[in-house]
């Protein structure tokens, strides 16, 4: 069963009652697909989806982080839907029993 959720972790500092700085992280959900149908519906108008394009164009987010997010979203789509995208953003679907991630960490 597919369960894809993308979140952004935003680090920030807060000052405690004692006047000390404490690091916190705010978690913001940006996308959720719990079924294959929901994931398919999210790309019916092409790739990247509007919410993702906005993030990928946000230069206040470090370039490597935007690249990583783009790669992760493409990997989920490829693995779960067997769908890839060419350089112009057109979908290419491959018939396969399964597709394995190609990156090793």
N, C-alpha and C. Protein backbone atom coordinates (compact mmCIF):
# COMPACT_ATOMS: atom_id res chain seq x y z
N UNK A 1 0.84 -1.18 0.00
CA UNK A 1 0.00 0.00 0.00
C UNK A 1 0.88 1.24 0.00
N UNK A 2 0.61 2.14 -0.88
CA UNK A 2 1.35 3.39 -1.01
C UNK A 2 0.99 4.34 0.13
N UNK A 3 1.98 4.96 0.70
CA UNK A 3 1.74 6.00 1.68
C UNK A 3 2.91 6.97 1.59
N UNK A 4 2.74 7.99 0.77
CA UNK A 4 3.79 8.97 0.55
C UNK A 4 3.42 10.27 1.24
N UNK A 5 4.33 10.78 2.03
CA UNK A 5 4.11 12.06 2.68
C UNK A 5 5.41 12.84 2.59
N UNK A 6 5.35 14.07 2.10
CA UNK A 6 6.50 14.95 2.05
C UNK A 6 6.31 16.05 3.08
N UNK A 7 7.34 16.27 3.86
CA UNK A 7 7.29 17.32 4.86
C UNK A 7 8.54 18.17 4.75
N UNK A 8 8.43 19.40 5.20
CA UNK A 8 9.59 20.28 5.30
C UNK A 8 9.89 20.45 6.78
N UNK A 9 11.16 20.31 7.13
CA UNK A 9 11.60 20.54 8.50
C UNK A 9 12.24 21.92 8.53
N UNK A 10 11.69 22.84 9.32
CA UNK A 10 12.20 24.20 9.39
C UNK A 10 12.83 24.42 10.76
N UNK A 11 14.17 24.51 10.79
CA UNK A 11 14.82 24.77 12.08
C UNK A 11 14.66 26.25 12.46
N UNK A 12 14.44 26.50 13.74
CA UNK A 12 14.37 27.88 14.22
C UNK A 12 14.78 27.90 15.69
N UNK A 13 15.16 29.07 16.15
CA UNK A 13 15.55 29.23 17.54
C UNK A 13 14.42 29.89 18.31
N UNK A 14 14.26 29.49 19.54
CA UNK A 14 13.31 30.17 20.42
C UNK A 14 14.04 30.46 21.73
N UNK A 15 13.57 31.42 22.44
CA UNK A 15 14.19 31.79 23.72
C UNK A 15 13.31 31.24 24.83
N UNK A 16 13.94 30.50 25.74
CA UNK A 16 13.20 29.92 26.87
C UNK A 16 12.91 31.00 27.90
N UNK A 17 12.10 30.65 28.90
CA UNK A 17 11.78 31.59 29.97
C UNK A 17 13.03 32.03 30.73
N UNK A 18 14.04 31.16 30.72
CA UNK A 18 15.30 31.48 31.41
C UNK A 18 16.21 32.34 30.54
N UNK A 19 15.77 32.69 29.33
CA UNK A 19 16.57 33.53 28.45
C UNK A 19 17.59 32.78 27.62
N UNK A 20 17.50 31.45 27.60
CA UNK A 20 18.45 30.66 26.82
C UNK A 20 17.84 30.34 25.45
N UNK A 21 18.72 30.26 24.46
CA UNK A 21 18.27 29.90 23.11
C UNK A 21 18.10 28.39 23.02
N UNK A 22 16.99 27.95 22.46
CA UNK A 22 16.73 26.52 22.26
C UNK A 22 16.36 26.31 20.81
N UNK A 23 16.95 25.28 20.21
CA UNK A 23 16.68 24.98 18.80
C UNK A 23 15.44 24.11 18.71
N UNK A 24 14.52 24.51 17.85
CA UNK A 24 13.30 23.74 17.60
C UNK A 24 13.22 23.44 16.11
N UNK A 25 12.39 22.49 15.77
CA UNK A 25 12.12 22.18 14.37
C UNK A 25 10.62 22.17 14.17
N UNK A 26 10.17 22.91 13.17
CA UNK A 26 8.76 22.93 12.80
C UNK A 26 8.57 22.00 11.61
N UNK A 27 7.61 21.11 11.66
CA UNK A 27 7.34 20.17 10.58
C UNK A 27 6.10 20.64 9.83
N UNK A 28 6.25 20.85 8.52
CA UNK A 28 5.13 21.30 7.70
C UNK A 28 4.89 20.26 6.60
N UNK A 29 3.71 19.68 6.58
CA UNK A 29 3.36 18.72 5.54
C UNK A 29 3.07 19.47 4.26
N UNK A 30 3.72 19.06 3.16
CA UNK A 30 3.48 19.74 1.88
C UNK A 30 2.73 18.88 0.88
N UNK A 31 2.72 17.57 1.08
CA UNK A 31 2.00 16.69 0.15
C UNK A 31 1.79 15.34 0.82
N UNK A 32 0.63 14.74 0.53
CA UNK A 32 0.36 13.40 1.02
C UNK A 32 -0.45 12.65 -0.03
N UNK A 33 -0.03 11.42 -0.31
CA UNK A 33 -0.79 10.50 -1.18
C UNK A 33 -0.81 9.16 -0.47
N UNK A 34 -1.99 8.69 -0.14
CA UNK A 34 -2.11 7.44 0.59
C UNK A 34 -2.44 6.26 -0.31
N UNK A 35 -2.81 6.55 -1.56
CA UNK A 35 -3.11 5.48 -2.51
C UNK A 35 -2.43 5.79 -3.84
N UNK A 36 -2.29 4.75 -4.65
CA UNK A 36 -1.72 4.93 -5.98
C UNK A 36 -2.58 5.89 -6.80
N UNK A 37 -3.89 5.81 -6.64
CA UNK A 37 -4.79 6.68 -7.37
C UNK A 37 -4.56 8.15 -7.01
N UNK A 38 -4.32 8.44 -5.73
CA UNK A 38 -4.04 9.81 -5.31
C UNK A 38 -2.72 10.31 -5.92
N UNK A 39 -1.72 9.44 -5.97
CA UNK A 39 -0.44 9.82 -6.56
C UNK A 39 -0.60 10.06 -8.06
N UNK A 40 -1.34 9.17 -8.74
CA UNK A 40 -1.59 9.36 -10.17
C UNK A 40 -2.33 10.66 -10.42
N UNK A 41 -3.33 10.96 -9.61
CA UNK A 41 -4.10 12.19 -9.78
C UNK A 41 -3.23 13.43 -9.61
N UNK A 42 -2.21 13.33 -8.77
CA UNK A 42 -1.37 14.49 -8.51
C UNK A 42 -0.51 14.88 -9.71
N UNK A 43 -0.30 13.95 -10.66
CA UNK A 43 0.54 14.27 -11.82
C UNK A 43 -0.25 14.31 -13.12
N UNK A 44 -1.57 14.39 -13.04
CA UNK A 44 -2.38 14.41 -14.27
C UNK A 44 -2.10 15.66 -15.11
N UNK A 45 -1.66 16.74 -14.49
CA UNK A 45 -1.34 17.96 -15.24
C UNK A 45 0.15 18.10 -15.51
N UNK A 46 0.90 17.00 -15.37
CA UNK A 46 2.33 17.03 -15.66
C UNK A 46 3.20 17.19 -14.44
N UNK A 47 4.49 17.23 -14.72
CA UNK A 47 5.50 17.34 -13.66
C UNK A 47 6.37 18.54 -13.95
N UNK A 48 6.74 19.30 -12.95
CA UNK A 48 6.40 19.14 -11.53
C UNK A 48 5.00 19.68 -11.24
N UNK A 49 4.41 19.18 -10.19
CA UNK A 49 3.12 19.65 -9.75
C UNK A 49 3.28 21.10 -9.29
N UNK A 50 2.22 21.92 -9.34
CA UNK A 50 2.35 23.34 -8.99
C UNK A 50 2.98 23.59 -7.62
N UNK A 51 2.59 22.82 -6.61
CA UNK A 51 3.16 23.02 -5.27
C UNK A 51 4.65 22.71 -5.26
N UNK A 52 5.07 21.69 -6.04
CA UNK A 52 6.48 21.33 -6.09
C UNK A 52 7.27 22.35 -6.89
N UNK A 53 6.70 22.82 -7.99
CA UNK A 53 7.39 23.83 -8.81
C UNK A 53 7.66 25.08 -8.00
N UNK A 54 6.71 25.46 -7.16
CA UNK A 54 6.90 26.64 -6.31
C UNK A 54 8.09 26.44 -5.37
N UNK A 55 8.20 25.27 -4.79
CA UNK A 55 9.31 24.97 -3.88
C UNK A 55 10.63 24.92 -4.66
N UNK A 56 10.63 24.26 -5.82
CA UNK A 56 11.86 24.12 -6.61
C UNK A 56 12.37 25.47 -7.12
N UNK A 57 11.50 26.45 -7.25
CA UNK A 57 11.90 27.78 -7.71
C UNK A 57 12.22 28.74 -6.56
N UNK A 58 12.03 28.29 -5.32
CA UNK A 58 12.26 29.15 -4.15
C UNK A 58 13.76 29.18 -3.83
N UNK A 59 14.42 30.25 -4.21
CA UNK A 59 15.86 30.35 -4.02
C UNK A 59 16.28 30.58 -2.57
N UNK A 60 15.30 30.78 -1.67
CA UNK A 60 15.64 30.88 -0.26
C UNK A 60 15.95 29.50 0.33
N UNK A 61 15.58 28.44 -0.41
CA UNK A 61 15.90 27.06 -0.01
C UNK A 61 17.19 26.67 -0.72
N UNK A 62 18.11 26.10 0.01
CA UNK A 62 19.41 25.72 -0.55
C UNK A 62 19.23 24.86 -1.79
N UNK A 63 20.05 25.10 -2.82
CA UNK A 63 19.91 24.40 -4.10
C UNK A 63 19.99 22.88 -3.95
N UNK A 64 20.90 22.40 -3.12
CA UNK A 64 21.03 20.94 -2.93
C UNK A 64 19.77 20.36 -2.30
N UNK A 65 19.11 21.08 -1.41
CA UNK A 65 17.88 20.60 -0.79
C UNK A 65 16.75 20.53 -1.81
N UNK A 66 16.68 21.54 -2.70
CA UNK A 66 15.65 21.51 -3.75
C UNK A 66 15.91 20.36 -4.72
N UNK A 67 17.18 20.13 -5.06
CA UNK A 67 17.53 19.03 -5.95
C UNK A 67 17.17 17.69 -5.30
N UNK A 68 17.49 17.53 -4.01
CA UNK A 68 17.18 16.29 -3.29
C UNK A 68 15.68 16.03 -3.29
N UNK A 69 14.88 17.08 -3.02
CA UNK A 69 13.43 16.93 -3.00
C UNK A 69 12.92 16.50 -4.38
N UNK A 70 13.41 17.13 -5.43
CA UNK A 70 13.01 16.77 -6.79
C UNK A 70 13.34 15.30 -7.07
N UNK A 71 14.53 14.87 -6.70
CA UNK A 71 14.93 13.47 -6.92
C UNK A 71 14.05 12.51 -6.15
N UNK A 72 13.72 12.83 -4.90
CA UNK A 72 12.89 11.94 -4.08
C UNK A 72 11.49 11.81 -4.67
N UNK A 73 10.91 12.93 -5.11
CA UNK A 73 9.56 12.88 -5.67
C UNK A 73 9.58 12.06 -6.96
N UNK A 74 10.57 12.29 -7.82
CA UNK A 74 10.68 11.52 -9.06
C UNK A 74 10.85 10.02 -8.77
N UNK A 75 11.63 9.70 -7.74
CA UNK A 75 11.85 8.29 -7.39
C UNK A 75 10.56 7.63 -6.92
N UNK A 76 9.79 8.31 -6.09
CA UNK A 76 8.52 7.74 -5.61
C UNK A 76 7.58 7.49 -6.78
N UNK A 77 7.49 8.46 -7.69
CA UNK A 77 6.62 8.30 -8.85
C UNK A 77 7.08 7.13 -9.71
N UNK A 78 8.40 7.04 -9.93
CA UNK A 78 8.94 5.96 -10.76
C UNK A 78 8.70 4.59 -10.11
N UNK A 79 8.98 4.48 -8.83
CA UNK A 79 8.85 3.19 -8.15
C UNK A 79 7.39 2.76 -8.05
N UNK A 80 6.50 3.68 -7.69
CA UNK A 80 5.11 3.30 -7.46
C UNK A 80 4.25 3.28 -8.72
N UNK A 81 4.57 4.12 -9.70
CA UNK A 81 3.74 4.19 -10.91
C UNK A 81 4.47 3.71 -12.16
N UNK A 82 5.77 3.37 -12.03
CA UNK A 82 6.59 2.98 -13.18
C UNK A 82 6.60 4.08 -14.23
N UNK A 83 6.51 5.33 -13.76
CA UNK A 83 6.45 6.49 -14.65
C UNK A 83 7.67 7.36 -14.43
N UNK A 84 8.33 7.70 -15.53
CA UNK A 84 9.47 8.62 -15.52
C UNK A 84 9.07 9.83 -16.34
N UNK A 85 9.91 10.86 -16.37
CA UNK A 85 9.63 12.06 -17.14
C UNK A 85 10.84 12.43 -17.97
N UNK A 86 10.60 12.79 -19.25
CA UNK A 86 11.71 13.21 -20.10
C UNK A 86 12.07 14.66 -19.76
N UNK A 87 13.02 15.19 -20.51
CA UNK A 87 13.54 16.53 -20.22
C UNK A 87 12.48 17.62 -20.33
N UNK A 88 11.45 17.41 -21.15
CA UNK A 88 10.37 18.38 -21.28
C UNK A 88 9.25 18.16 -20.27
N UNK A 89 9.37 17.15 -19.42
CA UNK A 89 8.34 16.87 -18.42
C UNK A 89 7.24 15.94 -18.88
N UNK A 90 7.42 15.31 -20.05
CA UNK A 90 6.42 14.37 -20.56
C UNK A 90 6.58 13.02 -19.88
N UNK A 91 5.47 12.40 -19.47
CA UNK A 91 5.57 11.10 -18.78
C UNK A 91 5.94 9.97 -19.73
N UNK A 92 6.76 9.07 -19.23
CA UNK A 92 7.14 7.85 -19.96
C UNK A 92 6.89 6.69 -18.98
N UNK A 93 6.01 5.77 -19.35
CA UNK A 93 5.64 4.66 -18.47
C UNK A 93 6.28 3.37 -18.96
N UNK A 94 6.85 2.61 -18.03
CA UNK A 94 7.47 1.33 -18.33
C UNK A 94 6.66 0.22 -17.66
N UNK A 95 6.41 -0.84 -18.40
CA UNK A 95 5.77 -2.01 -17.80
C UNK A 95 6.85 -2.76 -17.01
N UNK A 96 6.60 -3.01 -15.75
CA UNK A 96 7.57 -3.70 -14.91
C UNK A 96 6.86 -4.29 -13.70
N UNK A 97 7.39 -5.40 -13.20
CA UNK A 97 6.85 -5.97 -11.97
C UNK A 97 7.20 -5.07 -10.79
N UNK A 98 8.41 -4.50 -10.82
CA UNK A 98 8.83 -3.57 -9.78
C UNK A 98 10.03 -2.80 -10.29
N UNK A 99 10.27 -1.64 -9.70
CA UNK A 99 11.43 -0.80 -10.04
C UNK A 99 12.13 -0.50 -8.73
N UNK A 100 13.45 -0.70 -8.72
CA UNK A 100 14.24 -0.51 -7.52
C UNK A 100 14.94 0.85 -7.55
N UNK A 101 15.08 1.51 -6.41
CA UNK A 101 15.85 2.76 -6.39
C UNK A 101 17.27 2.51 -6.89
N UNK A 102 17.82 3.47 -7.61
CA UNK A 102 19.16 3.31 -8.17
C UNK A 102 20.27 3.93 -7.35
N UNK A 103 19.93 4.64 -6.29
CA UNK A 103 20.96 5.31 -5.50
C UNK A 103 21.25 4.50 -4.25
N UNK A 104 22.53 4.44 -3.91
CA UNK A 104 22.93 3.74 -2.69
C UNK A 104 23.64 4.74 -1.78
N UNK A 105 23.29 4.73 -0.50
CA UNK A 105 23.90 5.66 0.42
C UNK A 105 24.72 4.91 1.44
